[in-house]
C-alpha atoms as a PDB file:
ATOM      1  CA  MET A   1      19.399  -8.520-160.033  1.00  0.00           C
ATOM      2  CA  SER A   2      22.654  -9.746-158.819  1.00  0.00           C
ATOM      3  CA  ALA A   3      25.351  -7.591-157.309  1.00  0.00           C
ATOM      4  CA  SER A   4      29.098  -8.684-157.437  1.00  0.00           C
ATOM      5  CA  HIS A   5      31.936  -7.597-155.324  1.00  0.00           C
ATOM      6  CA  SER A   6      35.594  -8.857-154.467  1.00  0.00           C
ATOM      7  CA  ASN A   7      36.114  -9.174-150.802  1.00  0.00           C
ATOM      8  CA  LYS A   8      38.871  -7.461-149.179  1.00  0.00           C
ATOM      9  CA  SER A   9      41.336  -9.464-147.153  1.00  0.00           C
ATOM     10  CA  GLU A  10      40.430 -10.119-143.586  1.00  0.00           C
ATOM     11  CA  GLN A  11      43.128 -10.628-140.858  1.00  0.00           C
ATOM     12  CA  VAL A  12      42.752 -14.408-139.555  1.00  0.00           C
ATOM     13  CA  SER A  13      44.730 -15.356-136.581  1.00  0.00           C
ATOM     14  CA  ALA A  14      46.167 -18.709-136.574  1.00  0.00           C
ATOM     15  CA  ASP A  15      45.199 -19.218-132.902  1.00  0.00           C
ATOM     16  CA  MET A  16      41.583 -18.421-133.871  1.00  0.00           C
ATOM     17  CA  LEU A  17      41.507 -20.918-136.730  1.00  0.00           C
ATOM     18  CA  ASN A  18      43.167 -23.717-134.673  1.00  0.00           C
ATOM     19  CA  LYS A  19      40.718 -23.089-131.997  1.00  0.00           C
ATOM     20  CA  ALA A  20      37.732 -23.136-134.366  1.00  0.00           C
ATOM     21  CA  LEU A  21      38.917 -26.119-136.393  1.00  0.00           C
ATOM     22  CA  GLY A  22      40.070 -28.297-133.306  1.00  0.00           C
ATOM     23  CA  HIS A  23      43.842 -28.665-134.339  1.00  0.00           C
ATOM     24  CA  ASP A  24      47.127 -26.899-134.405  1.00  0.00           C
ATOM     25  CA  GLN A  25      47.993 -26.857-138.108  1.00  0.00           C
ATOM     26  CA  PHE A  26      47.771 -23.218-138.952  1.00  0.00           C
ATOM     27  CA  ILE A  27      51.005 -20.901-138.646  1.00  0.00           C
ATOM     28  CA  ARG A  28      51.170 -17.431-139.850  1.00  0.00           C
ATOM     29  CA  LEU A  29      54.716 -16.091-141.074  1.00  0.00           C
ATOM     30  CA  GLY A  30      55.203 -12.469-142.140  1.00  0.00           C
ATOM     31  CA  GLY A  31      51.376 -12.090-142.690  1.00  0.00           C
ATOM     32  CA  HIS A  32      51.030 -15.206-144.712  1.00  0.00           C
ATOM     33  CA  PHE A  33      49.928 -18.767-143.460  1.00  0.00           C
ATOM     34  CA  LEU A  34      52.961 -21.168-143.956  1.00  0.00           C
ATOM     35  CA  HIS A  35      51.516 -23.694-146.331  1.00  0.00           C
ATOM     36  CA  GLY A  36      48.958 -21.756-148.453  1.00  0.00           C
ATOM     37  CA  ALA A  37      47.820 -18.267-149.431  1.00  0.00           C
ATOM     38  CA  GLU A  38      45.680 -15.851-147.730  1.00  0.00           C
ATOM     39  CA  HIS A  39      43.133 -13.697-149.743  1.00  0.00           C
ATOM     40  CA  GLY A  40      45.038 -12.215-152.401  1.00  0.00           C
ATOM     41  CA  HIS A  41      48.589 -13.621-151.868  1.00  0.00           C
ATOM     42  CA  GLU A  42      50.089 -16.665-153.412  1.00  0.00           C
ATOM     43  CA  ASN A  43      52.081 -19.556-151.990  1.00  0.00           C
ATOM     44  CA  THR A  44      55.411 -19.932-153.882  1.00  0.00           C
ATOM     45  CA  ASN A  45      56.044 -23.311-152.225  1.00  0.00           C
ATOM     46  CA  ASN A  46      57.786 -25.240-155.169  1.00  0.00           C
ATOM     47  CA  SER A  47      58.687 -28.436-153.192  1.00  0.00           C
ATOM     48  CA  ASN A  48      58.532 -31.821-154.889  1.00  0.00           C
ATOM     49  CA  LYS A  49      56.614 -33.450-152.003  1.00  0.00           C
ATOM     50  CA  GLU A  50      52.668 -33.653-151.844  1.00  0.00           C
ATOM     51  CA  SER A  51      51.301 -30.215-151.829  1.00  0.00           C
ATOM     52  CA  PRO A  52      48.009 -28.949-150.222  1.00  0.00           C
ATOM     53  CA  PRO A  53      45.645 -26.988-152.717  1.00  0.00           C
ATOM     54  CA  ILE A  54      46.353 -23.066-152.564  1.00  0.00           C
ATOM     55  CA  ILE A  55      43.524 -20.625-152.761  1.00  0.00           C
ATOM     56  CA  THR A  56      44.217 -17.975-155.101  1.00  0.00           C
ATOM     57  CA  LYS A  57      41.259 -15.545-155.059  1.00  0.00           C
ATOM     58  CA  THR A  58      37.868 -15.224-153.634  1.00  0.00           C
ATOM     59  CA  ASP A  59      34.781 -13.204-154.712  1.00  0.00           C
ATOM     60  CA  THR A  60      31.131 -12.855-153.554  1.00  0.00           C
ATOM     61  CA  PHE A  61      27.916 -12.081-155.318  1.00  0.00           C
ATOM     62  CA  ARG A  62      24.466 -11.755-154.325  1.00  0.00           C
ATOM     63  CA  GLU A  63      21.295 -13.322-155.895  1.00  0.00           C
ATOM     64  CA  GLY A  64      18.287 -12.445-153.663  1.00  0.00           C
ATOM     65  CA  ASP A  65      18.642 -13.696-150.010  1.00  0.00           C
ATOM     66  CA  LEU A  66      21.700 -15.789-151.186  1.00  0.00           C
ATOM     67  CA  GLU A  67      25.238 -14.565-151.001  1.00  0.00           C
ATOM     68  CA  TYR A  68      27.592 -16.769-153.001  1.00  0.00           C
ATOM     69  CA  VAL A  69      31.132 -17.327-152.251  1.00  0.00           C
ATOM     70  CA  LYS A  70      33.345 -18.099-155.345  1.00  0.00           C
ATOM     71  CA  VAL A  71      36.724 -19.450-154.296  1.00  0.00           C
ATOM     72  CA  TYR A  72      39.409 -19.829-156.963  1.00  0.00           C
ATOM     73  CA  PHE A  73      42.351 -22.372-156.447  1.00  0.00           C
ATOM     74  CA  LYS A  74      45.185 -24.264-157.745  1.00  0.00           C
ATOM     75  CA  ASP A  75      46.372 -27.641-157.023  1.00  0.00           C
ATOM     76  CA  PRO A  76      49.846 -28.449-158.018  1.00  0.00           C
ATOM     77  CA  ASP A  77      49.583 -32.394-157.511  1.00  0.00           C
ATOM     78  CA  GLN A  78      46.081 -32.351-158.952  1.00  0.00           C
ATOM     79  CA  ASP A  79      44.332 -34.130-155.950  1.00  0.00           C
ATOM     80  CA  ALA A  80      42.065 -31.589-154.646  1.00  0.00           C
ATOM     81  CA  SER A  81      38.861 -33.491-153.416  1.00  0.00           C
ATOM     82  CA  GLY A  82      36.696 -31.225-151.209  1.00  0.00           C
ATOM     83  CA  PHE A  83      36.139 -27.908-149.414  1.00  0.00           C
ATOM     84  CA  GLY A  84      35.128 -26.730-145.920  1.00  0.00           C
ATOM     85  CA  PHE A  85      34.033 -23.728-144.049  1.00  0.00           C
ATOM     86  CA  THR A  86      33.350 -22.711-140.504  1.00  0.00           C
ATOM     87  CA  GLY A  87      31.931 -19.405-138.870  1.00  0.00           C
ATOM     88  CA  ILE A  88      34.716 -17.056-137.255  1.00  0.00           C
ATOM     89  CA  TYR A  89      34.441 -13.936-135.432  1.00  0.00           C
ATOM     90  CA  GLY A  90      31.466 -15.173-133.679  1.00  0.00           C
ATOM     91  CA  SER A  91      29.740 -15.970-136.764  1.00  0.00           C
ATOM     92  CA  PRO A  92      26.986 -18.795-136.204  1.00  0.00           C
ATOM     93  CA  TRP A  93      27.860 -20.843-139.417  1.00  0.00           C
ATOM     94  CA  ALA A  94      28.596 -24.372-138.178  1.00  0.00           C
ATOM     95  CA  GLN A  95      31.716 -26.242-139.564  1.00  0.00           C
ATOM     96  CA  GLU A  96      30.886 -28.329-142.669  1.00  0.00           C
ATOM     97  CA  GLN A  97      33.256 -30.403-144.997  1.00  0.00           C
ATOM     98  CA  HIS A  98      31.985 -31.550-148.438  1.00  0.00           C
ATOM     99  CA  PRO A  99      33.377 -33.728-150.948  1.00  0.00           C
ATOM    100  CA  PHE A 100      33.576 -32.335-154.684  1.00  0.00           C
ATOM    101  CA  THR A 101      31.434 -35.477-155.770  1.00  0.00           C
ATOM    102  CA  SER A 102      28.742 -34.131-153.362  1.00  0.00           C
ATOM    103  CA  PRO A 103      28.868 -30.593-152.816  1.00  0.00           C
ATOM    104  CA  SER A 104      25.653 -30.020-150.926  1.00  0.00           C
ATOM    105  CA  PHE A 105      24.308 -26.662-152.367  1.00  0.00           C
ATOM    106  CA  GLY A 106      27.496 -25.788-154.068  1.00  0.00           C
ATOM    107  CA  THR A 107      28.835 -26.167-157.394  1.00  0.00           C
ATOM    108  CA  VAL A 108      32.339 -27.319-158.328  1.00  0.00           C
ATOM    109  CA  SER A 109      34.344 -26.796-161.821  1.00  0.00           C
ATOM    110  CA  PRO A 110      37.863 -27.142-162.484  1.00  0.00           C
ATOM    111  CA  GLY A 111      39.737 -24.508-160.088  1.00  0.00           C
ATOM    112  CA  VAL A 112      36.553 -23.135-158.785  1.00  0.00           C
ATOM    113  CA  VAL A 113      34.134 -23.782-155.775  1.00  0.00           C
ATOM    114  CA  GLU A 114      30.845 -21.766-155.591  1.00  0.00           C
ATOM    115  CA  TYR A 115      28.672 -22.113-152.305  1.00  0.00           C
ATOM    116  CA  PRO A 116      25.639 -20.111-151.517  1.00  0.00           C
ATOM    117  CA  PHE A 117      24.856 -18.763-147.934  1.00  0.00           C
ATOM    118  CA  ASN A 118      21.261 -17.850-146.948  1.00  0.00           C
ATOM    119  CA  LEU A 119      21.499 -14.399-145.294  1.00  0.00           C
ATOM    120  CA  GLY A 120      17.644 -14.465-144.485  1.00  0.00           C
ATOM    121  CA  GLY A 121      16.560 -11.168-146.189  1.00  0.00           C
ATOM    122  CA  GLY A 122      19.149  -8.868-144.829  1.00  0.00           C
ATOM    123  CA  ALA A 123      18.216  -8.625-141.136  1.00  0.00           C
ATOM    124  CA  GLY A 124      21.061  -9.161-138.617  1.00  0.00           C
ATOM    125  CA  THR A 125      24.528  -8.879-138.398  1.00  0.00           C
ATOM    126  CA  PRO A 126      27.360  -9.356-140.983  1.00  0.00           C
ATOM    127  CA  SER A 127      28.981 -12.859-140.994  1.00  0.00           C
ATOM    128  CA  ASP A 128      32.529 -14.097-141.542  1.00  0.00           C
ATOM    129  CA  ILE A 129      33.617 -17.543-142.549  1.00  0.00           C
ATOM    130  CA  ALA A 130      36.830 -19.333-142.896  1.00  0.00           C
ATOM    131  CA  PHE A 131      37.024 -21.308-146.134  1.00  0.00           C
ATOM    132  CA  TRP A 132      39.640 -24.025-147.296  1.00  0.00           C
ATOM    133  CA  ILE A 133      40.221 -26.605-150.097  1.00  0.00           C
ATOM    134  CA  SER A 134      41.094 -30.124-149.135  1.00  0.00           C
ATOM    135  CA  ASP A 135      42.911 -32.877-151.019  1.00  0.00           C
ATOM    136  CA  SER A 136      42.770 -36.568-151.082  1.00  0.00           C
ATOM    137  CA  GLU A 137      46.005 -36.805-148.752  1.00  0.00           C
ATOM    138  CA  GLY A 138      44.026 -34.947-146.140  1.00  0.00           C
ATOM    139  CA  GLN A 139      45.766 -31.553-146.400  1.00  0.00           C
ATOM    140  CA  ASN A 140      43.928 -28.468-146.503  1.00  0.00           C
ATOM    141  CA  SER A 141      44.710 -25.210-147.998  1.00  0.00           C
ATOM    142  CA  ALA A 142      45.353 -22.106-145.883  1.00  0.00           C
ATOM    143  CA  PRO A 143      42.096 -21.037-144.967  1.00  0.00           C
ATOM    144  CA  VAL A 144      40.959 -17.708-146.061  1.00  0.00           C
ATOM    145  CA  ALA A 145      38.514 -15.305-144.223  1.00  0.00           C
ATOM    146  CA  ILE A 146      35.652 -14.225-146.271  1.00  0.00           C
ATOM    147  CA  HIS A 147      33.127 -11.417-145.025  1.00  0.00           C
ATOM    148  CA  LEU A 148      29.206 -12.297-146.019  1.00  0.00           C
ATOM    149  CA  ALA A 149      27.656  -8.720-146.321  1.00  0.00           C
ATOM    150  CA  TYR A 150      24.120  -7.964-145.541  1.00  0.00           C
ATOM    151  CA  ASN A 151      23.934  -5.248-148.102  1.00  0.00           C
END
Protein backbone atom coordinates (compact mmCIF):
# COMPACT_ATOMS: atom_id res chain seq x y z
CA MET A 1 0.00 0.00 0.00
CA SER A 2 1.36 3.42 -0.81
CA ALA A 3 0.88 6.62 1.12
CA SER A 4 0.80 9.98 -0.61
CA HIS A 5 1.26 13.46 0.75
CA SER A 6 2.21 16.90 -0.46
CA ASN A 7 5.32 18.48 0.98
CA LYS A 8 5.02 21.65 2.95
CA SER A 9 7.36 24.39 1.85
CA GLU A 10 10.71 24.38 3.65
CA GLN A 11 12.74 27.53 3.98
CA VAL A 12 16.01 27.13 2.11
CA SER A 13 18.62 29.81 2.50
CA ALA A 14 20.54 30.98 -0.55
CA ASP A 15 23.78 30.78 1.45
CA MET A 16 23.13 27.13 2.38
CA LEU A 17 22.44 26.18 -1.24
CA ASN A 18 25.44 28.07 -2.56
CA LYS A 19 27.64 26.26 -0.05
CA ALA A 20 26.12 22.84 -0.82
CA LEU A 21 26.31 23.29 -4.59
CA GLY A 22 29.67 25.07 -4.66
CA HIS A 23 28.71 28.29 -6.42
CA ASP A 24 26.98 31.62 -5.87
CA GLN A 25 24.00 31.59 -8.24
CA PHE A 26 21.13 31.51 -5.74
CA ILE A 27 19.67 34.76 -4.41
CA ARG A 28 16.45 35.07 -2.43
CA LEU A 29 14.27 38.15 -2.77
CA GLY A 30 11.11 38.61 -0.74
CA GLY A 31 10.89 34.93 0.17
CA HIS A 32 11.43 33.72 -3.41
CA PHE A 33 14.51 32.72 -5.34
CA LEU A 34 15.35 35.30 -7.97
CA HIS A 35 15.21 33.03 -11.05
CA GLY A 36 12.62 30.41 -10.18
CA ALA A 37 9.93 29.15 -7.92
CA GLU A 38 10.15 27.84 -4.41
CA HIS A 39 7.76 25.03 -3.50
CA GLY A 40 4.25 26.25 -4.22
CA HIS A 41 5.20 29.63 -5.71
CA GLU A 42 5.46 30.42 -9.41
CA ASN A 43 8.02 32.58 -11.16
CA THR A 44 6.42 35.28 -13.28
CA ASN A 45 9.58 36.14 -15.26
CA ASN A 46 8.33 36.90 -18.79
CA SER A 47 11.56 38.05 -20.42
CA ASN A 48 12.35 36.99 -24.00
CA LYS A 49 15.86 35.71 -23.23
CA GLU A 50 16.64 32.09 -22.44
CA SER A 51 14.75 31.04 -19.30
CA PRO A 52 15.64 28.30 -16.84
CA PRO A 53 13.03 25.65 -16.03
CA ILE A 54 10.57 26.48 -13.23
CA ILE A 55 9.52 23.96 -10.58
CA THR A 56 5.81 24.49 -9.99
CA LYS A 57 4.91 21.75 -7.47
CA THR A 58 6.37 18.82 -5.55
CA ASP A 59 4.74 15.75 -4.02
CA THR A 60 6.01 12.62 -2.33
CA PHE A 61 4.56 9.15 -2.04
CA ARG A 62 5.69 5.97 -0.36
CA GLU A 63 6.03 2.40 -1.66
CA GLY A 64 7.64 0.12 0.92
CA ASP A 65 11.09 1.44 1.88
CA LEU A 66 11.10 3.84 -1.07
CA GLU A 67 9.88 7.41 -0.85
CA TYR A 68 9.32 8.89 -4.30
CA VAL A 69 9.75 12.56 -5.01
CA LYS A 70 7.50 13.83 -7.79
CA VAL A 71 8.60 17.20 -9.20
CA TYR A 72 6.39 19.13 -11.63
CA PHE A 73 7.98 21.79 -13.80
CA LYS A 74 7.45 24.02 -16.78
CA ASP A 75 10.07 25.23 -19.21
CA PRO A 76 9.24 28.35 -21.23
CA ASP A 77 11.91 27.71 -23.87
CA GLN A 78 11.39 23.91 -23.98
CA ASP A 79 15.03 22.91 -23.38
CA ALA A 80 14.86 21.16 -19.97
CA SER A 81 17.39 18.35 -20.14
CA GLY A 82 18.00 16.92 -16.67
CA PHE A 83 17.64 17.12 -12.91
CA GLY A 84 19.75 17.07 -9.80
CA PHE A 85 19.55 16.93 -6.03
CA THR A 86 21.72 17.09 -2.94
CA GLY A 87 21.23 16.54 0.78
CA ILE A 88 20.63 19.65 2.88
CA TYR A 89 20.38 20.41 6.62
CA GLY A 90 22.96 17.68 7.33
CA SER A 91 21.24 15.02 5.21
CA PRO A 92 23.62 12.35 3.90
CA TRP A 93 22.42 12.34 0.26
CA ALA A 94 25.35 13.03 -2.09
CA GLN A 95 24.88 15.51 -4.92
CA GLU A 96 23.71 13.86 -8.15
CA GLN A 97 22.93 15.23 -11.61
CA HIS A 98 21.14 13.12 -14.27
CA PRO A 99 20.18 13.81 -17.88
CA PHE A 100 16.58 13.04 -18.82
CA THR A 101 17.95 10.49 -21.32
CA SER A 102 19.55 8.47 -18.47
CA PRO A 103 17.66 9.26 -15.24
CA SER A 104 19.24 6.50 -13.09
CA PHE A 105 16.37 5.09 -10.96
CA GLY A 106 14.08 7.99 -11.88
CA THR A 107 11.38 8.32 -14.51
CA VAL A 108 10.76 11.34 -16.70
CA SER A 109 7.61 12.34 -18.56
CA PRO A 110 6.66 15.73 -20.02
CA GLY A 111 6.77 18.24 -17.16
CA VAL A 112 7.31 15.63 -14.42
CA VAL A 113 10.28 13.87 -12.81
CA GLU A 114 9.88 11.05 -10.26
CA TYR A 115 12.87 9.78 -8.28
CA PRO A 116 12.94 7.15 -5.50
CA PHE A 117 14.94 7.44 -2.29
CA ASN A 118 15.57 4.31 -0.23
CA LEU A 119 14.85 5.19 3.37
CA GLY A 120 16.07 1.82 4.67
CA GLY A 121 13.01 0.55 6.47
CA GLY A 122 12.21 3.67 8.43
CA ALA A 123 15.03 3.61 10.97
CA GLY A 124 16.93 6.82 11.29
CA THR A 125 16.47 10.52 11.03
CA PRO A 126 14.29 12.32 8.49
CA SER A 127 16.18 13.69 5.50
CA ASP A 128 15.91 16.80 3.40
CA ILE A 129 17.07 17.38 -0.17
CA ALA A 130 17.33 20.31 -2.54
CA PHE A 131 16.04 19.35 -6.02
CA TRP A 132 16.39 21.28 -9.30
CA ILE A 133 15.73 20.92 -13.03
CA SER A 134 18.48 21.86 -15.51
CA ASP A 135 18.38 22.86 -19.16
CA SER A 136 20.59 22.52 -22.23
CA GLU A 137 21.96 26.06 -21.71
CA GLY A 138 23.43 25.04 -18.34
CA GLN A 139 20.80 26.91 -16.32
CA ASN A 140 19.13 25.41 -13.26
CA SER A 141 15.71 26.11 -11.87
CA ALA A 142 15.60 27.57 -8.40
CA PRO A 143 16.05 24.54 -6.15
CA VAL A 144 13.24 23.44 -3.86
CA ALA A 145 13.63 21.84 -0.46
CA ILE A 146 11.83 18.52 -0.09
CA HIS A 147 11.43 16.66 3.21
CA LEU A 148 11.76 12.87 3.04
CA ALA A 149 9.81 11.40 5.94
CA TYR A 150 10.41 8.13 7.79
CA ASN A 151 6.72 7.64 8.57
